[in-house]
Amino acid sequence: MNRACWVLAVTLAATASAPVAAQDTVRFTPTVGYPTFAVREPVLRIKPNTVLISKTNFGGYYTAEGGDFPGEVGPIYVEGATTNDMLLVEVIAVTPNYQTAASRVRAGFGSLSGDQGVRMLNDPIPTRRYVWQLDHDKMTGKTELPNSRLRTVEIDLQPMLGRVAVAPRGDEAFGGLWPGDFGGNMDAPEVRAGTTVYLPVFHDGAYFYFGDGHARQGHGELAGTGLETSMDVVFRIDVVKGKAIRWPRLEDDRYIMVAGSARPLVDAFRIAHVELIEWLEQDYGFDRWDAYALMGQVAESTIANVVDPFYTIVAKFPKKYLPRE
């Protein structure tokens, strides 16, 4: 089955499984990309419980020749979303749609590089760019390692989105590299097909953004980039009324999760785990200190990124320890 047929099949299945009376399917091709997350004129308006079939913005960065990084898709205005609600974004499909991806290492960026604002005596990391050939049928990526004995390497693809966001609170505007309580550039590999993302709403309409497709990315985004490429996406976007949250939440078939972003890294860790404990307390009937004690034994966490202006931690609680209905 080719990519277009597969995406259509997934979309039809999602549409069939959701309430028919309140659901629209919208196909949207973006024509503009914005470099910041902020309130601005929407590129699209949709109703709650809409299946959105779209794609991330394409940029020269992804090509063999190189070029600029594209901006984000959005904002998308979701009718009926208020600051007393949360936005629900069910990620149905994230599928590479271009034959190459790009990654690079360079001085002043990446978790193992010297600080770009402070002089160092050690030599800076040289700039190197890697072009990955993507095989959409095998779901693999291959690149050259010209100075290594291995020469070439092929890895399996695990498509994800680095950026899902709402407009930040007030008149704030954050550049595309920033994560925060609004979501943004969290670079969490957990934002993939099969995951539902819940975002706070700071403005009526939410002003939803997405972008930054990675065909593969290790936890921490160690060197500063994933396999950056263009993606076809399918979302189901809805509004959970009367349920305000403070930080992004995620859920898949195994975990409930919270993404916290801050510096230093320990503060991101604390935010994510405190918010997860409060989620257990508010929605699942746990005593706060019981939840804290249990989390001490069964909680898991991943480092999403340690390269952005704020770092991101994803705290996870296994769903098998939640109370049964």
C-alpha atoms as a PDB file:
ATOM      1  CA  MET A   1       0.000   0.000   0.000  1.00  0.00           C
ATOM      2  CA  ASN A   2       1.506   3.382  -0.965  1.00  0.00           C
ATOM      3  CA  ARG A   3       1.699   6.322   1.431  1.00  0.00           C
ATOM      4  CA  ALA A   4      -1.320   8.217   0.115  1.00  0.00           C
ATOM      5  CA  CYS A   5      -3.572   5.151   0.333  1.00  0.00           C
ATOM      6  CA  TRP A   6      -2.280   4.326   3.795  1.00  0.00           C
ATOM      7  CA  VAL A   7      -2.960   7.814   5.137  1.00  0.00           C
ATOM      8  CA  LEU A   8      -6.443   7.751   3.615  1.00  0.00           C
ATOM      9  CA  ALA A   9      -7.169   4.340   5.164  1.00  0.00           C
ATOM     10  CA  VAL A  10      -6.002   5.519   8.585  1.00  0.00           C
ATOM     11  CA  THR A  11      -8.106   8.651   8.287  1.00  0.00           C
ATOM     12  CA  LEU A  12     -11.242   6.758   7.293  1.00  0.00           C
ATOM     13  CA  ALA A  13     -10.736   4.368  10.202  1.00  0.00           C
ATOM     14  CA  ALA A  14     -10.375   7.289  12.609  1.00  0.00           C
ATOM     15  CA  THR A  15     -13.455   8.957  11.202  1.00  0.00           C
ATOM     16  CA  ALA A  16     -15.478   5.774  11.553  1.00  0.00           C
ATOM     17  CA  SER A  17     -14.466   5.321  15.202  1.00  0.00           C
ATOM     18  CA  ALA A  18     -15.444   8.855  16.334  1.00  0.00           C
ATOM     19  CA  PRO A  19     -18.916  10.331  16.840  1.00  0.00           C
ATOM     20  CA  VAL A  20     -20.260  10.888  13.330  1.00  0.00           C
ATOM     21  CA  ALA A  21     -22.730  13.680  14.087  1.00  0.00           C
ATOM     22  CA  ALA A  22     -20.144  16.199  15.324  1.00  0.00           C
ATOM     23  CA  GLN A  23     -17.173  15.393  13.135  1.00  0.00           C
ATOM     24  CA  ASP A  24     -15.761  17.078  10.041  1.00  0.00           C
ATOM     25  CA  THR A  25     -12.814  16.028   7.898  1.00  0.00           C
ATOM     26  CA  VAL A  26     -10.761  18.961   6.630  1.00  0.00           C
ATOM     27  CA  ARG A  27      -7.926  18.792   4.116  1.00  0.00           C
ATOM     28  CA  PHE A  28      -5.545  21.735   4.413  1.00  0.00           C
ATOM     29  CA  THR A  29      -2.391  22.555   2.443  1.00  0.00           C
ATOM     30  CA  PRO A  30      -0.286  25.190   4.243  1.00  0.00           C
ATOM     31  CA  THR A  31       1.075  28.087   2.205  1.00  0.00           C
ATOM     32  CA  VAL A  32       2.777  30.118   4.919  1.00  0.00           C
ATOM     33  CA  GLY A  33       5.086  29.313   7.823  1.00  0.00           C
ATOM     34  CA  TYR A  34       5.620  31.479  10.888  1.00  0.00           C
ATOM     35  CA  PRO A  35       8.855  31.608  12.916  1.00  0.00           C
ATOM     36  CA  THR A  36       7.096  32.293  16.233  1.00  0.00           C
ATOM     37  CA  PHE A  37       4.253  30.913  18.336  1.00  0.00           C
ATOM     38  CA  ALA A  38       1.854  33.815  18.963  1.00  0.00           C
ATOM     39  CA  VAL A  39      -1.677  35.081  18.480  1.00  0.00           C
ATOM     40  CA  ARG A  40      -2.115  36.179  14.851  1.00  0.00           C
ATOM     41  CA  GLU A  41      -4.665  35.902  12.063  1.00  0.00           C
ATOM     42  CA  PRO A  42      -5.577  32.188  11.762  1.00  0.00           C
ATOM     43  CA  VAL A  43      -4.675  30.292   8.615  1.00  0.00           C
ATOM     44  CA  LEU A  44      -7.665  27.992   9.213  1.00  0.00           C
ATOM     45  CA  ARG A  45     -10.746  27.779  11.414  1.00  0.00           C
ATOM     46  CA  ILE A  46     -12.164  24.409  12.401  1.00  0.00           C
ATOM     47  CA  LYS A  47     -14.891  23.011  14.603  1.00  0.00           C
ATOM     48  CA  PRO A  48     -14.172  20.731  17.575  1.00  0.00           C
ATOM     49  CA  ASN A  49     -13.867  17.028  16.767  1.00  0.00           C
ATOM     50  CA  THR A  50     -12.376  17.651  13.326  1.00  0.00           C
ATOM     51  CA  VAL A  51     -10.048  15.269  11.522  1.00  0.00           C
ATOM     52  CA  LEU A  52      -7.375  17.423   9.906  1.00  0.00           C
ATOM     53  CA  ILE A  53      -5.389  16.017   6.972  1.00  0.00           C
ATOM     54  CA  SER A  54      -2.405  18.223   6.275  1.00  0.00           C
ATOM     55  CA  LYS A  55       1.378  18.397   6.076  1.00  0.00           C
ATOM     56  CA  THR A  56       4.255  20.257   7.673  1.00  0.00           C
ATOM     57  CA  ASN A  57       5.853  23.119   5.782  1.00  0.00           C
ATOM     58  CA  PHE A  58       8.593  22.213   3.333  1.00  0.00           C
ATOM     59  CA  GLY A  59      11.984  23.937   3.404  1.00  0.00           C
ATOM     60  CA  GLY A  60      15.330  23.799   1.675  1.00  0.00           C
ATOM     61  CA  TYR A  61      16.854  22.588   4.934  1.00  0.00           C
ATOM     62  CA  TYR A  62      15.579  19.092   4.119  1.00  0.00           C
ATOM     63  CA  THR A  63      17.186  18.891   0.675  1.00  0.00           C
ATOM     64  CA  ALA A  64      20.595  17.687  -0.437  1.00  0.00           C
ATOM     65  CA  GLU A  65      21.479  21.268  -1.374  1.00  0.00           C
ATOM     66  CA  GLY A  66      20.510  22.716   1.999  1.00  0.00           C
ATOM     67  CA  GLY A  67      18.627  25.908   2.798  1.00  0.00           C
ATOM     68  CA  ASP A  68      16.458  27.608   5.361  1.00  0.00           C
ATOM     69  CA  PHE A  69      14.336  25.898   7.991  1.00  0.00           C
ATOM     70  CA  PRO A  70      10.594  26.413   7.343  1.00  0.00           C
ATOM     71  CA  GLY A  71       8.241  28.011   9.814  1.00  0.00           C
ATOM     72  CA  GLU A  72       5.386  26.329  11.624  1.00  0.00           C
ATOM     73  CA  VAL A  73       1.920  25.575  10.299  1.00  0.00           C
ATOM     74  CA  GLY A  74      -0.726  27.669  12.006  1.00  0.00           C
ATOM     75  CA  PRO A  75      -2.299  29.162  13.856  1.00  0.00           C
ATOM     76  CA  ILE A  76      -5.454  27.093  13.535  1.00  0.00           C
ATOM     77  CA  TYR A  77      -8.421  28.564  15.353  1.00  0.00           C
ATOM     78  CA  VAL A  78     -10.565  25.940  17.096  1.00  0.00           C
ATOM     79  CA  GLU A  79     -14.088  27.208  17.566  1.00  0.00           C
ATOM     80  CA  GLY A  80     -15.425  26.981  21.101  1.00  0.00           C
ATOM     81  CA  ALA A  81     -12.052  26.551  22.809  1.00  0.00           C
ATOM     82  CA  THR A  82     -11.819  28.828  25.867  1.00  0.00           C
ATOM     83  CA  THR A  83      -9.309  29.341  28.657  1.00  0.00           C
ATOM     84  CA  ASN A  84     -11.441  27.072  30.847  1.00  0.00           C
ATOM     85  CA  ASP A  85     -10.815  24.150  28.458  1.00  0.00           C
ATOM     86  CA  MET A  86      -7.951  22.084  27.092  1.00  0.00           C
ATOM     87  CA  LEU A  87      -7.161  21.289  23.494  1.00  0.00           C
ATOM     88  CA  LEU A  88      -7.055  17.617  22.503  1.00  0.00           C
ATOM     89  CA  VAL A  89      -4.823  16.661  19.568  1.00  0.00           C
ATOM     90  CA  GLU A  90      -4.941  12.977  18.693  1.00  0.00           C
ATOM     91  CA  VAL A  91      -1.989  12.153  16.446  1.00  0.00           C
ATOM     92  CA  ILE A  92      -3.339   9.631  13.951  1.00  0.00           C
ATOM     93  CA  ALA A  93      -0.515   9.658  11.387  1.00  0.00           C
ATOM     94  CA  VAL A  94       2.916  11.236  10.943  1.00  0.00           C
ATOM     95  CA  THR A  95       4.460  10.039   7.681  1.00  0.00           C
ATOM     96  CA  PRO A  96       7.603  11.253   5.845  1.00  0.00           C
ATOM     97  CA  ASN A  97       6.704  12.599   2.394  1.00  0.00           C
ATOM     98  CA  TYR A  98      10.131  13.591   1.025  1.00  0.00           C
ATOM     99  CA  GLN A  99      13.035  11.427  -0.093  1.00  0.00           C
ATOM    100  CA  THR A 100      15.713  13.019   2.097  1.00  0.00           C
ATOM    101  CA  ALA A 101      16.197  14.272   5.633  1.00  0.00           C
ATOM    102  CA  ALA A 102      19.017  16.387   7.017  1.00  0.00           C
ATOM    103  CA  SER A 103      20.899  16.502  10.289  1.00  0.00           C
ATOM    104  CA  ARG A 104      24.011  18.359  11.359  1.00  0.00           C
ATOM    105  CA  VAL A 105      26.491  19.095  14.106  1.00  0.00           C
ATOM    106  CA  ARG A 106      28.011  22.507  14.680  1.00  0.00           C
ATOM    107  CA  ALA A 107      29.680  24.724  17.240  1.00  0.00           C
ATOM    108  CA  GLY A 108      27.497  26.495  19.784  1.00  0.00           C
ATOM    109  CA  PHE A 109      24.516  24.159  19.431  1.00  0.00           C
ATOM    110  CA  GLY A 110      23.890  20.705  20.820  1.00  0.00           C
ATOM    111  CA  SER A 111      24.226  19.325  24.317  1.00  0.00           C
ATOM    112  CA  LEU A 112      27.946  18.479  23.976  1.00  0.00           C
ATOM    113  CA  SER A 113      29.021  21.774  22.408  1.00  0.00           C
ATOM    114  CA  GLY A 114      30.632  24.673  24.223  1.00  0.00           C
ATOM    115  CA  ASP A 115      28.298  27.468  25.251  1.00  0.00           C
ATOM    116  CA  GLN A 116      27.913  29.883  22.360  1.00  0.00           C
ATOM    117  CA  GLY A 117      27.874  32.831  24.754  1.00  0.00           C
ATOM    118  CA  VAL A 118      31.070  31.953  26.639  1.00  0.00           C
ATOM    119  CA  ARG A 119      34.627  31.694  25.323  1.00  0.00           C
ATOM    120  CA  MET A 120      36.259  28.259  25.693  1.00  0.00           C
ATOM    121  CA  LEU A 121      39.820  27.018  25.281  1.00  0.00           C
ATOM    122  CA  ASN A 122      38.749  23.763  23.659  1.00  0.00           C
ATOM    123  CA  ASP A 123      38.374  23.612  19.886  1.00  0.00           C
ATOM    124  CA  PRO A 124      34.813  24.194  18.625  1.00  0.00           C
ATOM    125  CA  ILE A 125      32.847  21.375  17.022  1.00  0.00           C
ATOM    126  CA  PRO A 126      33.249  21.520  13.223  1.00  0.00           C
ATOM    127  CA  THR A 127      30.114  22.071  11.161  1.00  0.00           C
ATOM    128  CA  ARG A 128      29.063  18.888   9.375  1.00  0.00           C
ATOM    129  CA  ARG A 129      25.862  18.230   7.503  1.00  0.00           C
ATOM    130  CA  TYR A 130      24.453  14.748   6.904  1.00  0.00           C
ATOM    131  CA  VAL A 131      21.911  14.004   4.183  1.00  0.00           C
ATOM    132  CA  TRP A 132      19.836  10.895   4.842  1.00  0.00           C
ATOM    133  CA  GLN A 133      18.176   8.968   2.031  1.00  0.00           C
ATOM    134  CA  LEU A 134      14.737   7.864   3.193  1.00  0.00           C
ATOM    135  CA  ASP A 135      13.137   4.624   2.027  1.00  0.00           C
ATOM    136  CA  HIS A 136       9.414   5.053   2.645  1.00  0.00           C
ATOM    137  CA  ASP A 137       8.593   1.414   1.924  1.00  0.00           C
ATOM    138  CA  LYS A 138      11.236  -0.059   4.237  1.00  0.00           C
ATOM    139  CA  MET A 139      10.890   2.881   6.663  1.00  0.00           C
ATOM    140  CA  THR A 140      14.648   3.286   6.925  1.00  0.00           C
ATOM    141  CA  GLY A 141      17.134   6.120   6.559  1.00  0.00           C
ATOM    142  CA  LYS A 142      20.675   5.806   5.240  1.00  0.00           C
ATOM    143  CA  THR A 143      23.605   8.226   5.303  1.00  0.00           C
ATOM    144  CA  GLU A 144      27.359   8.304   4.793  1.00  0.00           C
ATOM    145  CA  LEU A 145      29.860   8.475   7.635  1.00  0.00           C
ATOM    146  CA  PRO A 146      32.836   9.434   5.433  1.00  0.00           C
ATOM    147  CA  ASN A 147      35.482   9.554   8.161  1.00  0.00           C
ATOM    148  CA  SER A 148      34.461   6.390   9.988  1.00  0.00           C
ATOM    149  CA  ARG A 149      35.272   2.744   9.415  1.00  0.00           C
ATOM    150  CA  LEU A 150      31.563   2.011   9.058  1.00  0.00           C
ATOM    151  CA  ARG A 151      31.326   4.349   6.002  1.00  0.00           C
ATOM    152  CA  THR A 152      27.509   4.151   5.802  1.00  0.00           C
ATOM    153  CA  VAL A 153      24.762   3.452   8.313  1.00  0.00           C
ATOM    154  CA  GLU A 154      21.078   2.577   7.929  1.00  0.00           C
ATOM    155  CA  ILE A 155      18.573   3.007  10.751  1.00  0.00           C
ATOM    156  CA  ASP A 156      14.849   2.416  11.114  1.00  0.00           C
ATOM    157  CA  LEU A 157      12.575   5.450  11.063  1.00  0.00           C
ATOM    158  CA  GLN A 158      10.372   6.496  13.975  1.00  0.00           C
ATOM    159  CA  PRO A 159       8.464   9.563  12.696  1.00  0.00           C
ATOM    160  CA  MET A 160       7.474  12.246  15.204  1.00  0.00           C
ATOM    161  CA  LEU A 161       6.703  15.949  15.463  1.00  0.00           C
ATOM    162  CA  GLY A 162       9.089  18.179  17.355  1.00  0.00           C
ATOM    163  CA  ARG A 163       6.587  21.006  17.677  1.00  0.00           C
ATOM    164  CA  VAL A 164       2.919  21.096  18.687  1.00  0.00           C
ATOM    165  CA  ALA A 165       1.742  24.253  20.407  1.00  0.00           C
ATOM    166  CA  VAL A 166      -0.936  26.751  21.233  1.00  0.00           C
ATOM    167  CA  ALA A 167      -0.374  30.505  21.321  1.00  0.00           C
ATOM    168  CA  PRO A 168       1.400  31.423  24.580  1.00  0.00           C
ATOM    169  CA  ARG A 169      -0.332  33.444  27.246  1.00  0.00           C
ATOM    170  CA  GLY A 170      -0.906  37.196  26.907  1.00  0.00           C
ATOM    171  CA  ASP A 171       1.016  39.011  24.205  1.00  0.00           C
ATOM    172  CA  GLU A 172       3.980  36.631  24.389  1.00  0.00           C
ATOM    173  CA  ALA A 173       5.620  35.381  21.212  1.00  0.00           C
ATOM    174  CA  PHE A 174       8.187  32.578  21.399  1.00  0.00           C
ATOM    175  CA  GLY A 175      10.588  31.654  18.606  1.00  0.00           C
ATOM    176  CA  GLY A 176      10.320  28.210  17.057  1.00  0.00           C
ATOM    177  CA  LEU A 177      13.176  26.784  19.160  1.00  0.00           C
ATOM    178  CA  TRP A 178      11.355  27.416  22.448  1.00  0.00           C
ATOM    179  CA  PRO A 179       9.297  24.901  24.453  1.00  0.00           C
ATOM    180  CA  GLY A 180       7.144  25.906  27.392  1.00  0.00           C
ATOM    181  CA  ASP A 181       3.779  25.484  29.069  1.00  0.00           C
ATOM    182  CA  PHE A 182       2.234  26.203  25.637  1.00  0.00           C
ATOM    183  CA  GLY A 183       3.966  23.133  24.141  1.00  0.00           C
ATOM    184  CA  GLY A 184       6.225  24.400  21.376  1.00  0.00           C
ATOM    185  CA  ASN A 185       9.562  22.842  20.480  1.00  0.00           C
ATOM    186  CA  MET A 186       9.434  20.057  23.057  1.00  0.00           C
ATOM    187  CA  ASP A 187      11.217  17.610  20.701  1.00  0.00           C
ATOM    188  CA  ALA A 188       9.574  14.685  22.488  1.00  0.00           C
ATOM    189  CA  PRO A 189       9.694  11.446  20.466  1.00  0.00           C
ATOM    190  CA  GLU A 190       6.462  10.525  22.255  1.00  0.00           C
ATOM    191  CA  VAL A 191       4.592  12.972  19.963  1.00  0.00           C
ATOM    192  CA  ARG A 192       3.961  10.343  17.296  1.00  0.00           C
ATOM    193  CA  ALA A 193       1.122   8.323  15.803  1.00  0.00           C
ATOM    194  CA  GLY A 194      -0.917   6.735  18.587  1.00  0.00           C
ATOM    195  CA  THR A 195      -0.346   9.542  21.100  1.00  0.00           C
ATOM    196  CA  THR A 196      -2.932  12.079  22.208  1.00  0.00           C
ATOM    197  CA  VAL A 197      -1.548  15.473  23.242  1.00  0.00           C
ATOM    198  CA  TYR A 198      -3.504  17.740  25.585  1.00  0.00           C
ATOM    199  CA  LEU A 199      -2.535  21.422  25.561  1.00  0.00           C
ATOM    200  CA  PRO A 200      -3.554  24.333  27.799  1.00  0.00           C
ATOM    201  CA  VAL A 201      -5.626  27.082  26.191  1.00  0.00           C
ATOM    202  CA  PHE A 202      -4.453  30.632  26.904  1.00  0.00           C
ATOM    203  CA  HIS A 203      -6.670  32.410  24.334  1.00  0.00           C
ATOM    204  CA  ASP A 204     -10.124  31.666  23.032  1.00  0.00           C
ATOM    205  CA  GLY A 205      -9.666  29.562  19.898  1.00  0.00           C
ATOM    206  CA  ALA A 206      -6.373  28.065  21.196  1.00  0.00           C
ATOM    207  CA  TYR A 207      -4.399  29.035  18.030  1.00  0.00           C
ATOM    208  CA  PHE A 208      -2.876  25.632  17.360  1.00  0.00           C
ATOM    209  CA  TYR A 209       0.525  25.252  15.616  1.00  0.00           C
ATOM    210  CA  PHE A 210       2.493  22.209  14.441  1.00  0.00           C
ATOM    211  CA  GLY A 211       5.701  21.408  12.575  1.00  0.00           C
ATOM    212  CA  ASP A 212       9.307  20.233  12.849  1.00  0.00           C
ATOM    213  CA  GLY A 213       8.951  16.721  11.460  1.00  0.00           C
ATOM    214  CA  HIS A 214      11.662  14.270  12.495  1.00  0.00           C
ATOM    215  CA  ALA A 215      11.925  10.941  10.686  1.00  0.00           C
ATOM    216  CA  ARG A 216      13.962   9.805  13.703  1.00  0.00           C
ATOM    217  CA  GLN A 217      15.345  11.474  16.814  1.00  0.00           C
ATOM    218  CA  GLY A 218      17.131  10.097  19.842  1.00  0.00           C
ATOM    219  CA  HIS A 219      16.039  11.125  23.315  1.00  0.00           C
ATOM    220  CA  GLY A 220      17.651  14.420  24.287  1.00  0.00           C
ATOM    221  CA  GLU A 221      18.205  15.451  20.647  1.00  0.00           C
ATOM    222  CA  LEU A 222      21.856  15.217  21.634  1.00  0.00           C
ATOM    223  CA  ALA A 223      23.505  17.006  18.703  1.00  0.00           C
ATOM    224  CA  GLY A 224      20.734  19.541  18.195  1.00  0.00           C
ATOM    225  CA  THR A 225      18.779  18.051  15.277  1.00  0.00           C
ATOM    226  CA  GLY A 226      16.714  15.012  14.410  1.00  0.00           C
ATOM    227  CA  LEU A 227      16.359  13.672  10.892  1.00  0.00           C
ATOM    228  CA  GLU A 228      14.642  16.868   9.808  1.00  0.00           C
ATOM    229  CA  THR A 229      12.163  16.364   6.963  1.00  0.00           C
ATOM    230  CA  SER A 230       8.665  17.052   5.683  1.00  0.00           C
ATOM    231  CA  MET A 231       5.665  15.068   6.931  1.00  0.00           C
ATOM    232  CA  ASP A 232       2.104  14.223   5.991  1.00  0.00           C
ATOM    233  CA  VAL A 233      -0.003  14.424   9.140  1.00  0.00           C
ATOM    234  CA  VAL A 234      -3.475  13.415  10.281  1.00  0.00           C
ATOM    235  CA  PHE A 235      -4.881  14.767  13.541  1.00  0.00           C
ATOM    236  CA  ARG A 236      -8.195  14.634  15.324  1.00  0.00           C
ATOM    237  CA  ILE A 237      -8.582  17.970  17.073  1.00  0.00           C
ATOM    238  CA  ASP A 238     -11.145  18.438  19.816  1.00  0.00           C
ATOM    239  CA  VAL A 239     -11.884  20.537  22.883  1.00  0.00           C
ATOM    240  CA  VAL A 240     -12.290  19.101  26.380  1.00  0.00           C
ATOM    241  CA  LYS A 241     -14.714  21.512  28.005  1.00  0.00           C
ATOM    242  CA  GLY A 242     -14.296  22.674  31.581  1.00  0.00           C
ATOM    243  CA  LYS A 243     -10.875  21.064  31.986  1.00  0.00           C
ATOM    244  CA  ALA A 244      -8.066  23.605  32.289  1.00  0.00           C
ATOM    245  CA  ILE A 245      -4.476  22.337  32.628  1.00  0.00           C
ATOM    246  CA  ARG A 246      -1.176  24.132  33.173  1.00  0.00           C
ATOM    247  CA  TRP A 247       1.321  22.020  31.178  1.00  0.00           C
ATOM    248  CA  PRO A 248       1.138  19.716  28.158  1.00  0.00           C
ATOM    249  CA  ARG A 249      -0.142  16.205  28.855  1.00  0.00           C
ATOM    250  CA  LEU A 250       0.256  13.156  26.650  1.00  0.00           C
ATOM    251  CA  GLU A 251      -1.365   9.734  26.592  1.00  0.00           C
ATOM    252  CA  ASP A 252      -0.795   6.547  24.634  1.00  0.00           C
ATOM    253  CA  ASP A 253      -1.803   2.937  25.168  1.00  0.00           C
ATOM    254  CA  ARG A 254       0.809   2.435  27.923  1.00  0.00           C
ATOM    255  CA  TYR A 255       1.277   5.730  29.783  1.00  0.00           C
ATOM    256  CA  ILE A 256      -0.162   8.998  30.929  1.00  0.00           C
ATOM    257  CA  MET A 257       2.577  11.630  30.646  1.00  0.00           C
ATOM    258  CA  VAL A 258       3.404  15.274  31.344  1.00  0.00           C
ATOM    259  CA  ALA A 259       6.009  17.374  29.523  1.00  0.00           C
ATOM    260  CA  GLY A 260       7.801  19.981  31.644  1.00  0.00           C
ATOM    261  CA  SER A 261      10.217  22.524  30.167  1.00  0.00           C
ATOM    262  CA  ALA A 262      12.697  24.712  32.058  1.00  0.00           C
ATOM    263  CA  ARG A 263      16.354  25.256  32.855  1.00  0.00           C
ATOM    264  CA  PRO A 264      18.135  23.816  34.734  1.00  0.00           C
ATOM    265  CA  LEU A 265      17.156  20.281  33.735  1.00  0.00           C
ATOM    266  CA  VAL A 266      16.150  19.373  37.282  1.00  0.00           C
ATOM    267  CA  ASP A 267      13.444  22.058  37.186  1.00  0.00           C
ATOM    268  CA  ALA A 268      11.957  20.518  34.044  1.00  0.00           C
ATOM    269  CA  PHE A 269      12.056  17.160  35.863  1.00  0.00           C
ATOM    270  CA  ARG A 270      10.269  18.633  38.880  1.00  0.00           C
ATOM    271  CA  ILE A 271       7.582  20.396  36.839  1.00  0.00           C
ATOM    272  CA  ALA A 272       6.762  17.252  34.873  1.00  0.00           C
ATOM    273  CA  HIS A 273       6.535  15.006  37.926  1.00  0.00           C
ATOM    274  CA  VAL A 274       4.605  17.449  40.143  1.00  0.00           C
ATOM    275  CA  GLU A 275       2.065  17.954  37.361  1.00  0.00           C
ATOM    276  CA  LEU A 276       1.786  14.186  36.873  1.00  0.00           C
ATOM    277  CA  ILE A 277       1.153  13.629  40.581  1.00  0.00           C
ATOM    278  CA  GLU A 278      -1.549  16.306  40.529  1.00  0.00           C
ATOM    279  CA  TRP A 279      -3.132  14.611  37.502  1.00  0.00           C
ATOM    280  CA  LEU A 280      -3.269  11.336  39.452  1.00  0.00           C
ATOM    281  CA  GLU A 281      -4.760  13.178  42.401  1.00  0.00           C
ATOM    282  CA  GLN A 282      -7.391  15.137  40.464  1.00  0.00           C
ATOM    283  CA  ASP A 283      -8.575  12.574  37.915  1.00  0.00           C
ATOM    284  CA  TYR A 284      -7.760   9.141  39.306  1.00  0.00           C
ATOM    285  CA  GLY A 285      -8.559   9.393  43.011  1.00  0.00           C
ATOM    286  CA  PHE A 286      -5.034   9.132  44.407  1.00  0.00           C
ATOM    287  CA  ASP A 287      -4.036  10.734  47.674  1.00  0.00           C
ATOM    288  CA  ARG A 288      -1.178  13.118  46.891  1.00  0.00           C
ATOM    289  CA  TRP A 289       1.365  11.403  49.146  1.00  0.00           C
ATOM    290  CA  ASP A 290       0.262   7.938  48.079  1.00  0.00           C
ATOM    291  CA  ALA A 291       0.794   9.036  44.479  1.00  0.00           C
ATOM    292  CA  TYR A 292       4.218  10.441  45.349  1.00  0.00           C
ATOM    293  CA  ALA A 293       5.197   7.189  47.055  1.00  0.00           C
ATOM    294  CA  LEU A 294       3.960   5.047  44.178  1.00  0.00           C
ATOM    295  CA  MET A 295       5.602   7.270  41.584  1.00  0.00           C
ATOM    296  CA  GLY A 296       8.846   6.736  43.439  1.00  0.00           C
ATOM    297  CA  GLN A 297       8.665   3.068  42.470  1.00  0.00           C
ATOM    298  CA  VAL A 298       6.978   2.918  39.054  1.00  0.00           C
ATOM    299  CA  ALA A 299       7.456   6.314  37.374  1.00  0.00           C
ATOM    300  CA  GLU A 300       9.523   6.531  34.217  1.00  0.00           C
ATOM    301  CA  SER A 301      10.926   9.578  32.483  1.00  0.00           C
ATOM    302  CA  THR A 302      12.691  10.492  29.283  1.00  0.00           C
ATOM    303  CA  ILE A 303      14.789  13.489  28.342  1.00  0.00           C
ATOM    304  CA  ALA A 304      13.107  14.981  25.284  1.00  0.00           C
ATOM    305  CA  ASN A 305      15.684  17.697  24.622  1.00  0.00           C
ATOM    306  CA  VAL A 306      18.739  19.256  26.257  1.00  0.00           C
ATOM    307  CA  VAL A 307      19.548  21.646  23.412  1.00  0.00           C
ATOM    308  CA  ASP A 308      16.720  24.185  23.271  1.00  0.00           C
ATOM    309  CA  PRO A 309      16.531  27.445  25.269  1.00  0.00           C
ATOM    310  CA  PHE A 310      14.496  25.417  27.793  1.00  0.00           C
ATOM    311  CA  TYR A 311      15.064  21.696  28.321  1.00  0.00           C
ATOM    312  CA  THR A 312      12.158  19.236  28.302  1.00  0.00           C
ATOM    313  CA  ILE A 313      11.468  16.164  30.440  1.00  0.00           C
ATOM    314  CA  VAL A 314       8.556  13.765  29.869  1.00  0.00           C
ATOM    315  CA  ALA A 315       7.343  12.117  33.100  1.00  0.00           C
ATOM    316  CA  LYS A 316       5.402   8.871  32.635  1.00  0.00           C
ATOM    317  CA  PHE A 317       3.039   6.834  34.776  1.00  0.00           C
ATOM    318  CA  PRO A 318       2.207   3.298  33.567  1.00  0.00           C
ATOM    319  CA  LYS A 319      -1.526   2.997  32.923  1.00  0.00           C
ATOM    320  CA  LYS A 320      -1.601  -0.558  34.291  1.00  0.00           C
ATOM    321  CA  TYR A 321      -1.374   0.964  37.799  1.00  0.00           C
ATOM    322  CA  LEU A 322      -4.371   3.238  37.316  1.00  0.00           C
ATOM    323  CA  PRO A 323      -7.616   2.247  39.073  1.00  0.00           C
ATOM    324  CA  ARG A 324      -9.944   0.189  36.936  1.00  0.00           C
ATOM    325  CA  GLU A 325     -13.364   1.566  36.061  1.00  0.00           C
END
